[in-house]
Amino acid sequence: MAEITFEIVEHLLILSESPRGWTKEVNIVSWNGRQPKLDIREWDESHEKMGKGVTLNKEELLKIKELLDEMDLDALEIG
């Protein structure tokens, strides 16, 4: 299996921290030397281990931004 490489180009935000000390973060990450993307996932304290996450290119991020701008977040029935 090929090794996955990554570089956290810019740390943007910690969304939450789990009881085991991992943090759910929003970062700009370059995976395997490719163009950096917005990345949302859990990381261990040393940023050596990571959980499953999602990466978004600029076009995808703009679509989510449009959606959030149009939504009434107070009306959402989520925890």
N, C-alpha and C. Protein backbone atom coordinates (compact mmCIF):
# COMPACT_ATOMS: atom_id res chain seq x y z
N MET A 1 0.84 -1.18 0.00
CA MET A 1 0.00 0.00 0.00
C MET A 1 0.88 1.24 0.00
N ALA A 2 0.56 2.19 -0.85
CA ALA A 2 1.35 3.41 -0.97
C ALA A 2 1.18 4.29 0.28
N GLU A 3 2.26 4.92 0.65
CA GLU A 3 2.22 5.81 1.81
C GLU A 3 1.49 7.10 1.45
N ILE A 4 0.64 7.56 2.33
CA ILE A 4 -0.06 8.83 2.15
C ILE A 4 0.75 9.91 2.84
N THR A 5 1.06 10.97 2.10
CA THR A 5 1.78 12.09 2.69
C THR A 5 0.84 13.29 2.75
N PHE A 6 1.10 14.16 3.71
CA PHE A 6 0.27 15.35 3.84
C PHE A 6 1.09 16.48 4.44
N GLU A 7 0.65 17.68 4.14
CA GLU A 7 1.22 18.88 4.75
C GLU A 7 0.07 19.79 5.13
N ILE A 8 -0.03 20.11 6.41
CA ILE A 8 -1.02 21.08 6.84
C ILE A 8 -0.45 22.46 6.49
N VAL A 9 -1.00 23.05 5.44
CA VAL A 9 -0.51 24.32 4.93
C VAL A 9 -0.94 25.47 5.84
N GLU A 10 -2.18 25.38 6.32
CA GLU A 10 -2.69 26.43 7.21
C GLU A 10 -3.74 25.84 8.14
N HIS A 11 -3.58 26.09 9.43
CA HIS A 11 -4.57 25.68 10.42
C HIS A 11 -5.59 26.80 10.53
N LEU A 12 -6.88 26.46 10.38
CA LEU A 12 -7.92 27.48 10.39
C LEU A 12 -8.74 27.50 11.67
N LEU A 13 -9.14 26.30 12.18
CA LEU A 13 -10.10 26.29 13.27
C LEU A 13 -10.16 24.93 13.93
N ILE A 14 -10.30 24.91 15.26
CA ILE A 14 -10.64 23.69 15.98
C ILE A 14 -12.13 23.76 16.25
N LEU A 15 -12.87 22.77 15.74
CA LEU A 15 -14.32 22.73 15.93
C LEU A 15 -14.71 22.14 17.28
N SER A 16 -14.00 21.08 17.69
CA SER A 16 -14.32 20.42 18.95
C SER A 16 -13.16 19.53 19.37
N GLU A 17 -13.24 19.04 20.61
CA GLU A 17 -12.24 18.11 21.12
C GLU A 17 -12.97 16.92 21.73
N SER A 18 -12.49 15.72 21.41
CA SER A 18 -13.12 14.51 21.94
C SER A 18 -12.53 14.17 23.30
N PRO A 19 -13.21 13.31 24.06
CA PRO A 19 -12.68 12.90 25.38
C PRO A 19 -11.30 12.24 25.29
N ARG A 20 -10.97 11.64 24.16
CA ARG A 20 -9.66 11.00 24.02
C ARG A 20 -8.56 11.98 23.61
N GLY A 21 -8.92 13.27 23.46
CA GLY A 21 -7.91 14.29 23.17
C GLY A 21 -7.73 14.62 21.71
N TRP A 22 -8.47 13.95 20.83
CA TRP A 22 -8.39 14.28 19.40
C TRP A 22 -9.21 15.53 19.14
N THR A 23 -8.79 16.33 18.15
CA THR A 23 -9.52 17.55 17.81
C THR A 23 -10.07 17.45 16.40
N LYS A 24 -11.31 17.91 16.24
CA LYS A 24 -11.90 18.02 14.90
C LYS A 24 -11.52 19.40 14.40
N GLU A 25 -10.81 19.43 13.27
CA GLU A 25 -10.22 20.67 12.79
C GLU A 25 -10.60 20.98 11.36
N VAL A 26 -10.53 22.28 11.04
CA VAL A 26 -10.64 22.76 9.66
C VAL A 26 -9.26 23.30 9.30
N ASN A 27 -8.67 22.72 8.28
CA ASN A 27 -7.32 23.09 7.85
C ASN A 27 -7.26 23.16 6.32
N ILE A 28 -6.23 23.79 5.83
CA ILE A 28 -5.88 23.69 4.41
C ILE A 28 -4.75 22.67 4.35
N VAL A 29 -4.99 21.57 3.59
CA VAL A 29 -4.05 20.45 3.58
C VAL A 29 -3.71 20.07 2.14
N SER A 30 -2.44 19.81 1.91
CA SER A 30 -1.98 19.25 0.65
C SER A 30 -1.75 17.76 0.87
N TRP A 31 -2.48 16.93 0.12
CA TRP A 31 -2.35 15.47 0.21
C TRP A 31 -1.49 14.97 -0.94
N ASN A 32 -0.45 14.20 -0.62
CA ASN A 32 0.44 13.60 -1.62
C ASN A 32 0.99 14.63 -2.60
N GLY A 33 1.31 15.82 -2.09
CA GLY A 33 1.93 16.86 -2.91
C GLY A 33 0.99 17.54 -3.89
N ARG A 34 -0.29 17.28 -3.78
CA ARG A 34 -1.27 17.88 -4.69
C ARG A 34 -1.68 19.26 -4.21
N GLN A 35 -2.51 19.91 -5.04
CA GLN A 35 -3.05 21.23 -4.72
C GLN A 35 -3.74 21.18 -3.36
N PRO A 36 -3.47 22.13 -2.47
CA PRO A 36 -4.13 22.14 -1.16
C PRO A 36 -5.64 22.29 -1.28
N LYS A 37 -6.36 21.67 -0.33
CA LYS A 37 -7.82 21.74 -0.25
C LYS A 37 -8.22 22.01 1.19
N LEU A 38 -9.44 22.50 1.34
CA LEU A 38 -10.00 22.63 2.68
C LEU A 38 -10.28 21.23 3.20
N ASP A 39 -9.90 20.96 4.42
CA ASP A 39 -9.99 19.62 4.99
C ASP A 39 -10.63 19.69 6.37
N ILE A 40 -11.62 18.82 6.60
CA ILE A 40 -12.27 18.73 7.91
C ILE A 40 -12.14 17.29 8.39
N ARG A 41 -11.45 17.08 9.53
CA ARG A 41 -11.27 15.74 10.08
C ARG A 41 -10.74 15.82 11.50
N GLU A 42 -10.73 14.68 12.18
CA GLU A 42 -10.14 14.59 13.52
C GLU A 42 -8.66 14.25 13.42
N TRP A 43 -7.90 14.85 14.32
CA TRP A 43 -6.45 14.62 14.39
C TRP A 43 -6.07 14.29 15.83
N ASP A 44 -5.02 13.46 15.97
CA ASP A 44 -4.48 13.25 17.31
C ASP A 44 -3.67 14.49 17.71
N GLU A 45 -3.20 14.51 18.93
CA GLU A 45 -2.51 15.70 19.45
C GLU A 45 -1.26 16.06 18.66
N SER A 46 -0.57 15.06 18.11
CA SER A 46 0.68 15.33 17.39
C SER A 46 0.49 15.47 15.88
N HIS A 47 -0.74 15.36 15.42
CA HIS A 47 -1.07 15.43 13.98
C HIS A 47 -0.34 14.36 13.17
N GLU A 48 -0.13 13.19 13.80
CA GLU A 48 0.47 12.06 13.09
C GLU A 48 -0.60 11.06 12.67
N LYS A 49 -1.68 10.96 13.47
CA LYS A 49 -2.80 10.07 13.16
C LYS A 49 -4.03 10.91 12.90
N MET A 50 -4.88 10.41 12.01
CA MET A 50 -6.07 11.16 11.65
C MET A 50 -7.24 10.23 11.47
N GLY A 51 -8.43 10.78 11.62
CA GLY A 51 -9.66 10.05 11.35
C GLY A 51 -10.10 10.30 9.92
N LYS A 52 -11.22 9.67 9.57
CA LYS A 52 -11.79 9.92 8.25
C LYS A 52 -12.27 11.36 8.19
N GLY A 53 -12.20 11.93 7.02
CA GLY A 53 -12.61 13.31 6.89
C GLY A 53 -13.13 13.61 5.51
N VAL A 54 -13.27 14.87 5.24
CA VAL A 54 -13.74 15.33 3.94
C VAL A 54 -12.83 16.46 3.46
N THR A 55 -12.52 16.42 2.17
CA THR A 55 -11.74 17.51 1.57
C THR A 55 -12.62 18.18 0.53
N LEU A 56 -12.48 19.49 0.43
CA LEU A 56 -13.29 20.27 -0.50
C LEU A 56 -12.39 21.19 -1.32
N ASN A 57 -12.61 21.19 -2.64
CA ASN A 57 -11.90 22.17 -3.46
C ASN A 57 -12.68 23.49 -3.39
N LYS A 58 -12.17 24.51 -4.04
CA LYS A 58 -12.78 25.84 -3.94
C LYS A 58 -14.21 25.85 -4.47
N GLU A 59 -14.47 25.17 -5.58
CA GLU A 59 -15.81 25.12 -6.15
C GLU A 59 -16.80 24.46 -5.18
N GLU A 60 -16.40 23.37 -4.57
CA GLU A 60 -17.26 22.68 -3.61
C GLU A 60 -17.52 23.55 -2.38
N LEU A 61 -16.47 24.22 -1.91
CA LEU A 61 -16.61 25.09 -0.75
C LEU A 61 -17.55 26.25 -1.03
N LEU A 62 -17.48 26.81 -2.24
CA LEU A 62 -18.38 27.91 -2.60
C LEU A 62 -19.84 27.45 -2.62
N LYS A 63 -20.09 26.22 -3.06
CA LYS A 63 -21.45 25.68 -3.06
C LYS A 63 -21.98 25.55 -1.63
N ILE A 64 -21.14 25.07 -0.73
CA ILE A 64 -21.57 24.96 0.67
C ILE A 64 -21.78 26.34 1.27
N LYS A 65 -20.92 27.30 0.94
CA LYS A 65 -21.09 28.66 1.45
C LYS A 65 -22.42 29.24 0.99
N GLU A 66 -22.76 29.05 -0.29
CA GLU A 66 -24.05 29.53 -0.81
C GLU A 66 -25.21 28.91 -0.03
N LEU A 67 -25.13 27.62 0.20
CA LEU A 67 -26.18 26.93 0.95
C LEU A 67 -26.32 27.51 2.35
N LEU A 68 -25.20 27.67 3.06
CA LEU A 68 -25.24 28.19 4.43
C LEU A 68 -25.75 29.63 4.47
N ASP A 69 -25.39 30.43 3.46
CA ASP A 69 -25.88 31.81 3.42
C ASP A 69 -27.39 31.87 3.26
N GLU A 70 -27.97 30.88 2.60
CA GLU A 70 -29.41 30.85 2.35
C GLU A 70 -30.21 30.20 3.48
N MET A 71 -29.56 29.46 4.34
CA MET A 71 -30.25 28.67 5.36
C MET A 71 -30.57 29.52 6.60
N ASP A 72 -31.69 29.17 7.23
CA ASP A 72 -32.03 29.72 8.54
C ASP A 72 -31.49 28.71 9.56
N LEU A 73 -30.29 28.92 10.05
CA LEU A 73 -29.63 27.96 10.92
C LEU A 73 -30.38 27.78 12.24
N ASP A 74 -31.10 28.81 12.69
CA ASP A 74 -31.85 28.69 13.93
C ASP A 74 -33.03 27.74 13.77
N ALA A 75 -33.51 27.54 12.54
CA ALA A 75 -34.66 26.68 12.31
C ALA A 75 -34.27 25.20 12.16
N LEU A 76 -32.98 24.91 12.07
CA LEU A 76 -32.54 23.53 11.92
C LEU A 76 -32.80 22.74 13.19
N GLU A 77 -33.26 21.53 13.02
CA GLU A 77 -33.54 20.67 14.16
C GLU A 77 -32.40 19.65 14.28
N ILE A 78 -31.23 20.14 14.62
CA ILE A 78 -30.06 19.28 14.81
C ILE A 78 -29.44 19.59 16.15
N GLY A 79 -28.71 18.61 16.68
CA GLY A 79 -28.10 18.78 18.00
C GLY A 79 -26.80 19.51 17.98
